[in-house]
C-alpha atoms as a PDB file:
ATOM      1  CA  LEU A   1     115.687  80.937  77.728  1.00  0.00           C
ATOM      2  CA  ARG A   2     114.006  80.695  81.141  1.00  0.00           C
ATOM      3  CA  ASP A   3     117.285  81.439  82.945  1.00  0.00           C
ATOM      4  CA  HIS A   4     117.848  84.447  80.705  1.00  0.00           C
ATOM      5  CA  ALA A   5     114.328  85.726  81.398  1.00  0.00           C
ATOM      6  CA  LEU A   6     114.857  85.424  85.167  1.00  0.00           C
ATOM      7  CA  TYR A   7     118.232  87.172  84.899  1.00  0.00           C
ATOM      8  CA  ARG A   8     116.771  90.050  82.876  1.00  0.00           C
ATOM      9  CA  GLY A   9     113.894  90.355  85.321  1.00  0.00           C
ATOM     10  CA  ALA A  10     116.304  90.526  88.259  1.00  0.00           C
ATOM     11  CA  MET A  11     118.263  93.211  86.446  1.00  0.00           C
ATOM     12  CA  GLY A  12     115.162  95.326  85.977  1.00  0.00           C
ATOM     13  CA  GLY A  13     114.954  94.287  82.339  1.00  0.00           C
ATOM     14  CA  GLU A  14     117.430  96.990  81.413  1.00  0.00           C
ATOM     15  CA  GLY A  15     120.759  95.785  82.764  1.00  0.00           C
ATOM     16  CA  SER A  16     121.050  97.659  86.068  1.00  0.00           C
ATOM     17  CA  PRO A  17     120.312  95.827  89.339  1.00  0.00           C
ATOM     18  CA  GLY A  18     117.354  97.315  91.141  1.00  0.00           C
ATOM     19  CA  VAL A  19     116.751  99.965  88.490  1.00  0.00           C
ATOM     20  CA  THR A  20     113.401  99.660  86.832  1.00  0.00           C
ATOM     21  CA  SER A  21     111.140 101.957  84.973  1.00  0.00           C
ATOM     22  CA  TYR A  22     108.023 102.121  87.086  1.00  0.00           C
ATOM     23  CA  THR A  23     105.519 101.983  84.302  1.00  0.00           C
ATOM     24  CA  TRP A  24     102.377  99.912  84.510  1.00  0.00           C
ATOM     25  CA  LEU A  25     103.505  97.957  81.445  1.00  0.00           C
ATOM     26  CA  GLY A  26     106.782  96.898  83.080  1.00  0.00           C
ATOM     27  CA  PRO A  27     110.221  96.931  81.451  1.00  0.00           C
ATOM     28  CA  GLN A  28     109.932  97.133  77.682  1.00  0.00           C
ATOM     29  CA  LYS A  29     113.595  96.665  76.733  1.00  0.00           C
ATOM     30  CA  SER A  30     114.147  92.964  77.409  1.00  0.00           C
ATOM     31  CA  PRO A  31     114.948  91.046  74.220  1.00  0.00           C
ATOM     32  CA  THR A  32     112.338  88.753  72.726  1.00  0.00           C
ATOM     33  CA  PRO A  33     113.128  85.087  72.044  1.00  0.00           C
ATOM     34  CA  GLU A  34     113.331  85.970  68.349  1.00  0.00           C
ATOM     35  CA  LYS A  35     116.014  88.600  69.055  1.00  0.00           C
ATOM     36  CA  LEU A  36     117.918  85.973  71.056  1.00  0.00           C
ATOM     37  CA  GLY A  37     117.770  83.566  68.106  1.00  0.00           C
ATOM     38  CA  THR A  38     115.584  80.982  69.802  1.00  0.00           C
ATOM     39  CA  THR A  39     111.947  79.963  69.900  1.00  0.00           C
ATOM     40  CA  ALA A  40     109.409  81.123  72.463  1.00  0.00           C
ATOM     41  CA  TRP A  41     108.747  78.926  75.488  1.00  0.00           C
ATOM     42  CA  GLN A  42     105.938  76.453  74.807  1.00  0.00           C
ATOM     43  CA  GLY A  43     104.913  74.713  78.021  1.00  0.00           C
ATOM     44  CA  THR A  44     101.740  73.235  79.395  1.00  0.00           C
ATOM     45  CA  PRO A  45      99.572  75.476  81.581  1.00  0.00           C
ATOM     46  CA  GLU A  46     100.821  73.523  84.621  1.00  0.00           C
ATOM     47  CA  GLU A  47     104.497  73.963  83.626  1.00  0.00           C
ATOM     48  CA  ASN A  48     103.934  77.657  82.944  1.00  0.00           C
ATOM     49  CA  THR A  49     102.292  78.178  86.336  1.00  0.00           C
ATOM     50  CA  ALA A  50     105.078  76.300  88.156  1.00  0.00           C
ATOM     51  CA  MET A  51     107.752  78.348  86.374  1.00  0.00           C
ATOM     52  CA  LEU A  52     105.965  81.618  87.055  1.00  0.00           C
ATOM     53  CA  ARG A  53     105.402  80.670  90.713  1.00  0.00           C
ATOM     54  CA  SER A  54     109.145  79.954  91.118  1.00  0.00           C
ATOM     55  CA  ALA A  55     110.128  83.255  89.511  1.00  0.00           C
ATOM     56  CA  LEU A  56     107.660  85.298  91.566  1.00  0.00           C
ATOM     57  CA  ARG A  57     108.777  83.630  94.794  1.00  0.00           C
ATOM     58  CA  PHE A  58     112.365  84.525  93.829  1.00  0.00           C
ATOM     59  CA  PHE A  59     111.207  88.144  93.605  1.00  0.00           C
ATOM     60  CA  GLY A  60     109.441  87.972  96.992  1.00  0.00           C
ATOM     61  CA  ALA A  61     105.852  86.901  96.350  1.00  0.00           C
ATOM     62  CA  ALA A  62     104.333  84.600  98.962  1.00  0.00           C
ATOM     63  CA  ASP A  63     102.257  82.745  96.387  1.00  0.00           C
ATOM     64  CA  ILE A  64     100.375  83.276  93.157  1.00  0.00           C
ATOM     65  CA  GLY A  65      96.990  82.375  91.790  1.00  0.00           C
ATOM     66  CA  VAL A  66      95.644  82.008  88.280  1.00  0.00           C
ATOM     67  CA  VAL A  67      92.078  82.981  87.459  1.00  0.00           C
ATOM     68  CA  GLU A  68      89.989  82.896  84.315  1.00  0.00           C
ATOM     69  CA  LEU A  69      88.792  86.360  83.390  1.00  0.00           C
ATOM     70  CA  ASP A  70      85.009  86.417  83.210  1.00  0.00           C
ATOM     71  CA  GLU A  71      82.360  89.010  84.010  1.00  0.00           C
ATOM     72  CA  ASN A  72      82.297  88.068  87.717  1.00  0.00           C
ATOM     73  CA  VAL A  73      86.083  88.430  88.058  1.00  0.00           C
ATOM     74  CA  LYS A  74      85.996  91.799  86.275  1.00  0.00           C
ATOM     75  CA  LYS A  75      83.692  93.050  89.066  1.00  0.00           C
ATOM     76  CA  LEU A  76      86.501  92.419  91.580  1.00  0.00           C
ATOM     77  CA  VAL A  77      88.944  94.792  89.868  1.00  0.00           C
ATOM     78  CA  TYR A  78      89.056  98.263  91.399  1.00  0.00           C
ATOM     79  CA  THR A  79      88.099 101.076  89.051  1.00  0.00           C
ATOM     80  CA  TYR A  80      90.719 103.370  90.576  1.00  0.00           C
ATOM     81  CA  PRO A  81      93.783 101.975  92.386  1.00  0.00           C
ATOM     82  CA  ARG A  82      94.822 103.533  95.698  1.00  0.00           C
ATOM     83  CA  VAL A  83      98.343 104.355  94.518  1.00  0.00           C
ATOM     84  CA  ALA A  84      97.262 106.376  91.495  1.00  0.00           C
ATOM     85  CA  PRO A  85      93.668 107.571  91.860  1.00  0.00           C
ATOM     86  CA  TYR A  86      94.035 109.828  88.817  1.00  0.00           C
ATOM     87  CA  LYS A  87      93.926 106.871  86.383  1.00  0.00           C
ATOM     88  CA  ARG A  88      91.311 104.164  86.093  1.00  0.00           C
ATOM     89  CA  TYR A  89      91.449 100.519  85.031  1.00  0.00           C
ATOM     90  CA  GLU A  90      89.418  99.607  81.963  1.00  0.00           C
ATOM     91  CA  PHE A  91      88.907  96.357  80.083  1.00  0.00           C
ATOM     92  CA  GLU A  92      89.097  96.567  76.298  1.00  0.00           C
ATOM     93  CA  ALA A  93      89.124  93.986  73.507  1.00  0.00           C
ATOM     94  CA  VAL A  94      92.805  94.529  72.617  1.00  0.00           C
ATOM     95  CA  ASP A  95      95.708  92.089  72.343  1.00  0.00           C
ATOM     96  CA  LYS A  96      98.134  94.100  74.487  1.00  0.00           C
ATOM     97  CA  GLY A  97      97.501  96.364  77.449  1.00  0.00           C
ATOM     98  CA  TYR A  98      98.450 100.012  77.280  1.00  0.00           C
ATOM     99  CA  GLU A  99      98.214 103.197  79.256  1.00  0.00           C
ATOM    100  CA  ASP A 100      97.468 106.797  78.424  1.00  0.00           C
ATOM    101  CA  ASP A 101      96.933 109.935  80.495  1.00  0.00           C
ATOM    102  CA  GLU A 102      93.548 108.777  81.782  1.00  0.00           C
ATOM    103  CA  LYS A 103      93.536 104.984  82.049  1.00  0.00           C
ATOM    104  CA  TRP A 104      95.324 101.651  82.211  1.00  0.00           C
ATOM    105  CA  VAL A 105      93.820  99.204  79.738  1.00  0.00           C
ATOM    106  CA  ILE A 106      93.587  95.504  80.596  1.00  0.00           C
ATOM    107  CA  PRO A 107      93.086  93.216  77.588  1.00  0.00           C
ATOM    108  CA  SER A 108      89.783  91.382  77.888  1.00  0.00           C
ATOM    109  CA  THR A 109      90.815  89.074  75.026  1.00  0.00           C
ATOM    110  CA  LYS A 110      93.200  87.124  77.276  1.00  0.00           C
ATOM    111  CA  LYS A 111      91.799  84.063  79.023  1.00  0.00           C
ATOM    112  CA  LEU A 112      93.894  83.698  82.207  1.00  0.00           C
ATOM    113  CA  TYR A 113      95.338  86.242  84.628  1.00  0.00           C
ATOM    114  CA  VAL A 114      97.857  85.869  87.446  1.00  0.00           C
ATOM    115  CA  GLY A 115      97.671  87.593  90.812  1.00  0.00           C
ATOM    116  CA  ASN A 116      99.805  87.448  93.930  1.00  0.00           C
END
């Protein structure tokens, strides 16, 4: 399952090397573990971080960090990113992030976030 996830990530999630859809939500066409007929990965937080660090280094990240999202961390998130100043970041109590014409929504219900 982990090898398949890395492969799909390297293929842009859609089967073509280097071709990705540049949406804030990332590729949405990769199959879920259920569609592959297997169970979802269930690792410890340490195993999950090590696996994610390895994958992100494969894709070129120098390192990663994991932070708990609290009110102080939320203050460090830019309201408007430099690359797209026409949309703002907002935190909402939703299970999954989304975007619309005006904003990118970051779920505030999640406990940990990863940055590189």
